[in-house]
């Protein structure tokens, strides 16, 4: 299963490192990352493969939400199909 993870908030050191470590810890493979920083505002879209993970999407969402609170950013995790449906016209 492929997922889309988005992060939005004030830029700070360690955002990408922390989310990458979380995904690696749970055997989630990063397929693509697109991130930018504009005037201190961080925005990232990450596509990953959860097919070898031993945790559920719900558990990953909970971990990511907690990490977002710790970092002071908003982290959302969605199934790829949900993300695509929400962003199609």
PDB file of N, CA and C in Angstrom:
ATOM      1  N   UNK A   1       0.833  -1.170   0.000  1.00  0.00           N
ATOM      2  CA  UNK A   1       0.000   0.000   0.000  1.00  0.00           C
ATOM      3  C   UNK A   1       0.884   1.242   0.000  1.00  0.00           C
ATOM      4  N   UNK A   2       0.533   2.174  -0.882  1.00  0.00           N
ATOM      5  CA  UNK A   2       1.268   3.435  -0.937  1.00  0.00           C
ATOM      6  C   UNK A   2       0.512   4.496  -0.146  1.00  0.00           C
ATOM      7  N   UNK A   3       1.302   5.352   0.507  1.00  0.00           N
ATOM      8  CA  UNK A   3       0.737   6.430   1.312  1.00  0.00           C
ATOM      9  C   UNK A   3       1.320   7.769   0.875  1.00  0.00           C
ATOM     10  N   UNK A   4       0.614   8.828   1.231  1.00  0.00           N
ATOM     11  CA  UNK A   4       1.107  10.187   1.022  1.00  0.00           C
ATOM     12  C   UNK A   4       1.160  10.842   2.390  1.00  0.00           C
ATOM     13  N   UNK A   5       2.323  11.354   2.718  1.00  0.00           N
ATOM     14  CA  UNK A   5       2.547  12.024   3.993  1.00  0.00           C
ATOM     15  C   UNK A   5       2.864  13.478   3.683  1.00  0.00           C
ATOM     16  N   UNK A   6       2.151  14.403   4.328  1.00  0.00           N
ATOM     17  CA  UNK A   6       2.414  15.816   4.113  1.00  0.00           C
ATOM     18  C   UNK A   6       2.808  16.461   5.432  1.00  0.00           C
ATOM     19  N   UNK A   7       3.727  17.406   5.342  1.00  0.00           N
ATOM     20  CA  UNK A   7       4.169  18.160   6.517  1.00  0.00           C
ATOM     21  C   UNK A   7       4.147  19.637   6.155  1.00  0.00           C
ATOM     22  N   UNK A   8       3.537  20.437   7.024  1.00  0.00           N
ATOM     23  CA  UNK A   8       3.464  21.878   6.825  1.00  0.00           C
ATOM     24  C   UNK A   8       3.735  22.568   8.154  1.00  0.00           C
ATOM     25  N   UNK A   9       4.558  23.611   8.135  1.00  0.00           N
ATOM     26  CA  UNK A   9       4.807  24.380   9.349  1.00  0.00           C
ATOM     27  C   UNK A   9       6.088  25.178   9.261  1.00  0.00           C
ATOM     28  N   UNK A  10       6.448  25.793  10.368  1.00  0.00           N
ATOM     29  CA  UNK A  10       7.692  26.564  10.439  1.00  0.00           C
ATOM     30  C   UNK A  10       8.885  25.615  10.294  1.00  0.00           C
ATOM     31  N   UNK A  11       9.849  26.031   9.501  1.00  0.00           N
ATOM     32  CA  UNK A  11      11.038  25.215   9.293  1.00  0.00           C
ATOM     33  C   UNK A  11      11.888  25.155  10.556  1.00  0.00           C
ATOM     34  N   UNK A  12      12.476  24.008  10.796  1.00  0.00           N
ATOM     35  CA  UNK A  12      13.444  23.832  11.879  1.00  0.00           C
ATOM     36  C   UNK A  12      14.311  22.626  11.576  1.00  0.00           C
ATOM     37  N   UNK A  13      15.431  22.557  12.216  1.00  0.00           N
ATOM     38  CA  UNK A  13      16.374  21.459  12.020  1.00  0.00           C
ATOM     39  C   UNK A  13      15.741  20.145  12.469  1.00  0.00           C
ATOM     40  N   UNK A  14      15.871  19.112  11.644  1.00  0.00           N
ATOM     41  CA  UNK A  14      15.507  17.764  12.052  1.00  0.00           C
ATOM     42  C   UNK A  14      14.174  17.235  11.582  1.00  0.00           C
ATOM     43  N   UNK A  15      13.384  18.036  10.875  1.00  0.00           N
ATOM     44  CA  UNK A  15      12.064  17.553  10.451  1.00  0.00           C
ATOM     45  C   UNK A  15      12.206  16.321   9.556  1.00  0.00           C
ATOM     46  N   UNK A  16      12.998  16.438   8.504  1.00  0.00           N
ATOM     47  CA  UNK A  16      13.148  15.322   7.563  1.00  0.00           C
ATOM     48  C   UNK A  16      13.821  14.132   8.237  1.00  0.00           C
ATOM     49  N   UNK A  17      14.806  14.391   9.067  1.00  0.00           N
ATOM     50  CA  UNK A  17      15.502  13.300   9.767  1.00  0.00           C
ATOM     51  C   UNK A  17      14.534  12.523  10.664  1.00  0.00           C
ATOM     52  N   UNK A  18      13.705  13.238  11.412  1.00  0.00           N
ATOM     53  CA  UNK A  18      12.787  12.549  12.337  1.00  0.00           C
ATOM     54  C   UNK A  18      11.756  11.722  11.592  1.00  0.00           C
ATOM     55  N   UNK A  19      11.171  12.288  10.538  1.00  0.00           N
ATOM     56  CA  UNK A  19      10.151  11.523   9.822  1.00  0.00           C
ATOM     57  C   UNK A  19      10.785  10.349   9.079  1.00  0.00           C
ATOM     58  N   UNK A  20      11.980  10.541   8.541  1.00  0.00           N
ATOM     59  CA  UNK A  20      12.677   9.434   7.864  1.00  0.00           C
ATOM     60  C   UNK A  20      12.980   8.301   8.835  1.00  0.00           C
ATOM     61  N   UNK A  21      13.427   8.647  10.036  1.00  0.00           N
ATOM     62  CA  UNK A  21      13.706   7.622  11.048  1.00  0.00           C
ATOM     63  C   UNK A  21      12.447   6.889  11.469  1.00  0.00           C
ATOM     64  N   UNK A  22      11.335   7.616  11.623  1.00  0.00           N
ATOM     65  CA  UNK A  22      10.064   6.976  11.976  1.00  0.00           C
ATOM     66  C   UNK A  22       9.669   5.958  10.919  1.00  0.00           C
ATOM     67  N   UNK A  23       9.764   6.349   9.660  1.00  0.00           N
ATOM     68  CA  UNK A  23       9.382   5.438   8.580  1.00  0.00           C
ATOM     69  C   UNK A  23      10.328   4.241   8.512  1.00  0.00           C
ATOM     70  N   UNK A  24      11.614   4.469   8.608  1.00  0.00           N
ATOM     71  CA  UNK A  24      12.583   3.363   8.557  1.00  0.00           C
ATOM     72  C   UNK A  24      12.364   2.381   9.704  1.00  0.00           C
ATOM     73  N   UNK A  25      12.100   2.894  10.881  1.00  0.00           N
ATOM     74  CA  UNK A  25      11.862   2.050  12.058  1.00  0.00           C
ATOM     75  C   UNK A  25      10.712   1.067  11.821  1.00  0.00           C
ATOM     76  N   UNK A  26       9.734   1.502  11.029  1.00  0.00           N
ATOM     77  CA  UNK A  26       8.554   0.669  10.787  1.00  0.00           C
ATOM     78  C   UNK A  26       8.549   0.037   9.396  1.00  0.00           C
ATOM     79  N   UNK A  27       9.734  -0.046   8.770  1.00  0.00           N
ATOM     80  CA  UNK A  27       9.919  -0.710   7.478  1.00  0.00           C
ATOM     81  C   UNK A  27       9.046  -0.117   6.380  1.00  0.00           C
ATOM     82  N   UNK A  28       8.954   1.210   6.377  1.00  0.00           N
ATOM     83  CA  UNK A  28       8.194   1.924   5.361  1.00  0.00           C
ATOM     84  C   UNK A  28       9.205   2.573   4.427  1.00  0.00           C
ATOM     85  N   UNK A  29       9.115   2.236   3.149  1.00  0.00           N
ATOM     86  CA  UNK A  29      10.099   2.673   2.163  1.00  0.00           C
ATOM     87  C   UNK A  29       9.679   3.994   1.524  1.00  0.00           C
ATOM     88  N   UNK A  30      10.557   4.982   1.584  1.00  0.00           N
ATOM     89  CA  UNK A  30      10.306   6.270   0.942  1.00  0.00           C
ATOM     90  C   UNK A  30      10.546   6.121  -0.556  1.00  0.00           C
ATOM     91  N   UNK A  31       9.541   6.509  -1.352  1.00  0.00           N
ATOM     92  CA  UNK A  31       9.636   6.417  -2.802  1.00  0.00           C
ATOM     93  C   UNK A  31       9.959   7.761  -3.443  1.00  0.00           C
ATOM     94  N   UNK A  32       9.435   8.833  -2.846  1.00  0.00           N
ATOM     95  CA  UNK A  32       9.635  10.158  -3.425  1.00  0.00           C
ATOM     96  C   UNK A  32       9.427  11.217  -2.347  1.00  0.00           C
ATOM     97  N   UNK A  33      10.247  12.245  -2.375  1.00  0.00           N
ATOM     98  CA  UNK A  33      10.089  13.382  -1.466  1.00  0.00           C
ATOM     99  C   UNK A  33      10.172  14.658  -2.293  1.00  0.00           C
ATOM    100  N   UNK A  34       9.234  15.544  -2.047  1.00  0.00           N
ATOM    101  CA  UNK A  34       9.271  16.879  -2.635  1.00  0.00           C
ATOM    102  C   UNK A  34       9.089  17.854  -1.483  1.00  0.00           C
ATOM    103  N   UNK A  35      10.079  18.688  -1.244  1.00  0.00           N
ATOM    104  CA  UNK A  35       9.976  19.638  -0.136  1.00  0.00           C
ATOM    105  C   UNK A  35      10.543  20.977  -0.547  1.00  0.00           C
ATOM    106  N   UNK A  36       9.982  22.012   0.059  1.00  0.00           N
ATOM    107  CA  UNK A  36      10.536  23.339  -0.164  1.00  0.00           C
ATOM    108  C   UNK A  36      10.343  24.183   1.085  1.00  0.00           C
ATOM    109  N   UNK A  37      11.117  25.246   1.141  1.00  0.00           N
ATOM    110  CA  UNK A  37      11.060  26.183   2.249  1.00  0.00           C
ATOM    111  C   UNK A  37      10.972  27.572   1.641  1.00  0.00           C
ATOM    112  N   UNK A  38       9.936  28.304   2.008  1.00  0.00           N
ATOM    113  CA  UNK A  38       9.748  29.658   1.512  1.00  0.00           C
ATOM    114  C   UNK A  38       9.589  30.580   2.714  1.00  0.00           C
ATOM    115  N   UNK A  39      10.537  31.479   2.878  1.00  0.00           N
ATOM    116  CA  UNK A  39      10.525  32.444   3.978  1.00  0.00           C
ATOM    117  C   UNK A  39      10.272  31.776   5.331  1.00  0.00           C
ATOM    118  N   UNK A  40      10.965  30.650   5.551  1.00  0.00           N
ATOM    119  CA  UNK A  40      10.880  29.943   6.820  1.00  0.00           C
ATOM    120  C   UNK A  40       9.689  29.017   6.958  1.00  0.00           C
ATOM    121  N   UNK A  41       8.877  28.896   5.912  1.00  0.00           N
ATOM    122  CA  UNK A  41       7.699  28.030   5.936  1.00  0.00           C
ATOM    123  C   UNK A  41       8.027  26.727   5.214  1.00  0.00           C
ATOM    124  N   UNK A  42       7.961  25.611   5.928  1.00  0.00           N
ATOM    125  CA  UNK A  42       8.343  24.287   5.426  1.00  0.00           C
ATOM    126  C   UNK A  42       7.119  23.578   4.868  1.00  0.00           C
ATOM    127  N   UNK A  43       7.276  22.965   3.696  1.00  0.00           N
ATOM    128  CA  UNK A  43       6.205  22.185   3.082  1.00  0.00           C
ATOM    129  C   UNK A  43       6.830  20.946   2.436  1.00  0.00           C
ATOM    130  N   UNK A  44       6.283  19.780   2.748  1.00  0.00           N
ATOM    131  CA  UNK A  44       6.816  18.549   2.182  1.00  0.00           C
ATOM    132  C   UNK A  44       5.694  17.599   1.828  1.00  0.00           C
ATOM    133  N   UNK A  45       5.846  16.929   0.690  1.00  0.00           N
ATOM    134  CA  UNK A  45       4.969  15.828   0.292  1.00  0.00           C
ATOM    135  C   UNK A  45       5.870  14.625   0.075  1.00  0.00           C
ATOM    136  N   UNK A  46       5.552  13.531   0.750  1.00  0.00           N
ATOM    137  CA  UNK A  46       6.367  12.321   0.700  1.00  0.00           C
ATOM    138  C   UNK A  46       5.465  11.158   0.302  1.00  0.00           C
ATOM    139  N   UNK A  47       5.907  10.364  -0.646  1.00  0.00           N
ATOM    140  CA  UNK A  47       5.183   9.159  -1.052  1.00  0.00           C
ATOM    141  C   UNK A  47       5.998   7.963  -0.572  1.00  0.00           C
ATOM    142  N   UNK A  48       5.311   7.003   0.057  1.00  0.00           N
ATOM    143  CA  UNK A  48       6.016   5.851   0.624  1.00  0.00           C
ATOM    144  C   UNK A  48       5.215   4.573   0.419  1.00  0.00           C
ATOM    145  N   UNK A  49       5.915   3.462   0.525  1.00  0.00           N
ATOM    146  CA  UNK A  49       5.328   2.130   0.390  1.00  0.00           C
ATOM    147  C   UNK A  49       5.291   1.463   1.761  1.00  0.00           C
ATOM    148  N   UNK A  50       4.084   1.118   2.229  1.00  0.00           N
ATOM    149  CA  UNK A  50       3.897   0.474   3.536  1.00  0.00           C
ATOM    150  C   UNK A  50       3.744  -1.041   3.433  1.00  0.00           C
ATOM    151  N   UNK A  51       3.924  -1.619   2.261  1.00  0.00           N
ATOM    152  CA  UNK A  51       3.586  -3.039   2.066  1.00  0.00           C
ATOM    153  C   UNK A  51       4.386  -3.994   2.953  1.00  0.00           C
ATOM    154  N   UNK A  52       5.569  -3.595   3.413  1.00  0.00           N
ATOM    155  CA  UNK A  52       6.373  -4.474   4.274  1.00  0.00           C
ATOM    156  C   UNK A  52       6.320  -4.063   5.740  1.00  0.00           C
ATOM    157  N   UNK A  53       5.518  -3.058   6.044  1.00  0.00           N
ATOM    158  CA  UNK A  53       5.422  -2.566   7.419  1.00  0.00           C
ATOM    159  C   UNK A  53       4.581  -3.497   8.278  1.00  0.00           C
ATOM    160  N   UNK A  54       4.906  -3.528   9.546  1.00  0.00           N
ATOM    161  CA  UNK A  54       4.165  -4.361  10.491  1.00  0.00           C
ATOM    162  C   UNK A  54       3.167  -3.539  11.302  1.00  0.00           C
ATOM    163  N   UNK A  55       3.041  -2.244  10.990  1.00  0.00           N
ATOM    164  CA  UNK A  55       2.055  -1.413  11.670  1.00  0.00           C
ATOM    165  C   UNK A  55       0.964  -1.025  10.678  1.00  0.00           C
ATOM    166  N   UNK A  56      -0.174  -0.631  11.207  1.00  0.00           N
ATOM    167  CA  UNK A  56      -1.295  -0.232  10.357  1.00  0.00           C
ATOM    168  C   UNK A  56      -1.182   1.241   9.997  1.00  0.00           C
ATOM    169  N   UNK A  57      -1.977   1.650   9.033  1.00  0.00           N
ATOM    170  CA  UNK A  57      -2.028   3.049   8.644  1.00  0.00           C
ATOM    171  C   UNK A  57      -2.506   3.905   9.825  1.00  0.00           C
ATOM    172  N   UNK A  58      -3.459   3.414  10.577  1.00  0.00           N
ATOM    173  CA  UNK A  58      -3.965   4.141  11.746  1.00  0.00           C
ATOM    174  C   UNK A  58      -2.853   4.348  12.777  1.00  0.00           C
ATOM    175  N   UNK A  59      -2.067   3.306  13.028  1.00  0.00           N
ATOM    176  CA  UNK A  59      -0.955   3.436  13.981  1.00  0.00           C
ATOM    177  C   UNK A  59       0.071   4.456  13.478  1.00  0.00           C
ATOM    178  N   UNK A  60       0.380   4.404  12.179  1.00  0.00           N
ATOM    179  CA  UNK A  60       1.333   5.357  11.612  1.00  0.00           C
ATOM    180  C   UNK A  60       0.800   6.781  11.753  1.00  0.00           C
ATOM    181  N   UNK A  61      -0.498   6.975  11.494  1.00  0.00           N
ATOM    182  CA  UNK A  61      -1.100   8.299  11.652  1.00  0.00           C
ATOM    183  C   UNK A  61      -0.918   8.803  13.080  1.00  0.00           C
ATOM    184  N   UNK A  62      -1.132   7.925  14.053  1.00  0.00           N
ATOM    185  CA  UNK A  62      -0.982   8.317  15.461  1.00  0.00           C
ATOM    186  C   UNK A  62       0.460   8.717  15.774  1.00  0.00           C
ATOM    187  N   UNK A  63       1.423   7.929  15.314  1.00  0.00           N
ATOM    188  CA  UNK A  63       2.841   8.252  15.524  1.00  0.00           C
ATOM    189  C   UNK A  63       3.191   9.589  14.863  1.00  0.00           C
ATOM    190  N   UNK A  64       2.715   9.784  13.634  1.00  0.00           N
ATOM    191  CA  UNK A  64       3.032  10.997  12.889  1.00  0.00           C
ATOM    192  C   UNK A  64       2.396  12.227  13.528  1.00  0.00           C
ATOM    193  N   UNK A  65       1.169  12.087  13.992  1.00  0.00           N
ATOM    194  CA  UNK A  65       0.498  13.207  14.654  1.00  0.00           C
ATOM    195  C   UNK A  65       1.256  13.621  15.907  1.00  0.00           C
ATOM    196  N   UNK A  66       1.670  12.638  16.694  1.00  0.00           N
ATOM    197  CA  UNK A  66       2.439  12.928  17.910  1.00  0.00           C
ATOM    198  C   UNK A  66       3.766  13.599  17.567  1.00  0.00           C
ATOM    199  N   UNK A  67       4.421  13.117  16.515  1.00  0.00           N
ATOM    200  CA  UNK A  67       5.691  13.712  16.105  1.00  0.00           C
ATOM    201  C   UNK A  67       5.475  15.150  15.638  1.00  0.00           C
ATOM    202  N   UNK A  68       4.389  15.392  14.927  1.00  0.00           N
ATOM    203  CA  UNK A  68       4.076  16.730  14.472  1.00  0.00           C
ATOM    204  C   UNK A  68       3.902  17.697  15.640  1.00  0.00           C
ATOM    205  N   UNK A  69       3.224  17.236  16.677  1.00  0.00           N
ATOM    206  CA  UNK A  69       3.047  18.078  17.868  1.00  0.00           C
ATOM    207  C   UNK A  69       4.393  18.379  18.517  1.00  0.00           C
ATOM    208  N   UNK A  70       5.244  17.372  18.579  1.00  0.00           N
ATOM    209  CA  UNK A  70       6.583  17.539  19.152  1.00  0.00           C
ATOM    210  C   UNK A  70       7.403  18.559  18.360  1.00  0.00           C
ATOM    211  N   UNK A  71       7.271  18.527  17.038  1.00  0.00           N
ATOM    212  CA  UNK A  71       8.048  19.411  16.168  1.00  0.00           C
ATOM    213  C   UNK A  71       7.381  20.761  15.918  1.00  0.00           C
ATOM    214  N   UNK A  72       6.110  20.871  16.270  1.00  0.00           N
ATOM    215  CA  UNK A  72       5.388  22.111  16.016  1.00  0.00           C
ATOM    216  C   UNK A  72       4.962  22.279  14.564  1.00  0.00           C
ATOM    217  N   UNK A  73       4.729  21.148  13.881  1.00  0.00           N
ATOM    218  CA  UNK A  73       4.270  21.161  12.489  1.00  0.00           C
ATOM    219  C   UNK A  73       3.048  20.257  12.374  1.00  0.00           C
ATOM    220  N   UNK A  74       2.342  20.370  11.265  1.00  0.00           N
ATOM    221  CA  UNK A  74       1.206  19.488  11.020  1.00  0.00           C
ATOM    222  C   UNK A  74       1.644  18.377  10.080  1.00  0.00           C
ATOM    223  N   UNK A  75       1.466  17.133  10.525  1.00  0.00           N
ATOM    224  CA  UNK A  75       1.807  15.974   9.699  1.00  0.00           C
ATOM    225  C   UNK A  75       0.525  15.192   9.447  1.00  0.00           C
ATOM    226  N   UNK A  76       0.245  14.944   8.178  1.00  0.00           N
ATOM    227  CA  UNK A  76      -0.924  14.139   7.791  1.00  0.00           C
ATOM    228  C   UNK A  76      -0.445  12.931   6.998  1.00  0.00           C
ATOM    229  N   UNK A  77      -1.090  11.808   7.252  1.00  0.00           N
ATOM    230  CA  UNK A  77      -0.781  10.571   6.531  1.00  0.00           C
ATOM    231  C   UNK A  77      -2.085  10.056   5.941  1.00  0.00           C
ATOM    232  N   UNK A  78      -2.076   9.787   4.636  1.00  0.00           N
ATOM    233  CA  UNK A  78      -3.272   9.304   3.956  1.00  0.00           C
ATOM    234  C   UNK A  78      -2.918   8.183   2.989  1.00  0.00           C
ATOM    235  N   UNK A  79      -3.883   7.302   2.779  1.00  0.00           N
ATOM    236  CA  UNK A  79      -3.736   6.312   1.716  1.00  0.00           C
ATOM    237  C   UNK A  79      -3.633   7.076   0.400  1.00  0.00           C
ATOM    238  N   UNK A  80      -2.820   6.613  -0.503  1.00  0.00           N
ATOM    239  CA  UNK A  80      -2.594   7.285  -1.783  1.00  0.00           C
ATOM    240  C   UNK A  80      -3.906   7.550  -2.531  1.00  0.00           C
ATOM    241  N   UNK A  81      -4.841   6.620  -2.512  1.00  0.00           N
ATOM    242  CA  UNK A  81      -6.109   6.787  -3.227  1.00  0.00           C
ATOM    243  C   UNK A  81      -6.945   7.922  -2.641  1.00  0.00           C
ATOM    244  N   UNK A  82      -6.946   8.053  -1.326  1.00  0.00           N
ATOM    245  CA  UNK A  82      -7.692   9.134  -0.666  1.00  0.00           C
ATOM    246  C   UNK A  82      -7.078  10.481  -1.039  1.00  0.00           C
ATOM    247  N   UNK A  83      -5.756  10.558  -0.964  1.00  0.00           N
ATOM    248  CA  UNK A  83      -5.070  11.798  -1.316  1.00  0.00           C
ATOM    249  C   UNK A  83      -5.383  12.189  -2.753  1.00  0.00           C
ATOM    250  N   UNK A  84      -5.316  11.235  -3.671  1.00  0.00           N
ATOM    251  CA  UNK A  84      -5.565  11.511  -5.084  1.00  0.00           C
ATOM    252  C   UNK A  84      -7.014  11.971  -5.301  1.00  0.00           C
ATOM    253  N   UNK A  85      -7.958  11.332  -4.633  1.00  0.00           N
ATOM    254  CA  UNK A  85      -9.355  11.716  -4.772  1.00  0.00           C
ATOM    255  C   UNK A  85      -9.615  13.119  -4.244  1.00  0.00           C
ATOM    256  N   UNK A  86      -8.955  13.481  -3.153  1.00  0.00           N
ATOM    257  CA  UNK A  86      -9.133  14.801  -2.559  1.00  0.00           C
ATOM    258  C   UNK A  86      -8.533  15.912  -3.412  1.00  0.00           C
ATOM    259  N   UNK A  87      -7.542  15.574  -4.240  1.00  0.00           N
ATOM    260  CA  UNK A  87      -6.826  16.578  -4.994  1.00  0.00           C
ATOM    261  C   UNK A  87      -7.050  16.487  -6.506  1.00  0.00           C
ATOM    262  N   UNK A  88      -8.125  15.819  -6.896  1.00  0.00           N
ATOM    263  CA  UNK A  88      -8.447  15.763  -8.336  1.00  0.00           C
ATOM    264  C   UNK A  88      -9.623  16.695  -8.616  1.00  0.00           C
ATOM    265  N   UNK A  89      -9.623  17.207  -9.809  1.00  0.00           N
ATOM    266  CA  UNK A  89     -10.693  18.142 -10.182  1.00  0.00           C
ATOM    267  C   UNK A  89     -11.537  17.522 -11.274  1.00  0.00           C
TER     268      UNK A  89
END
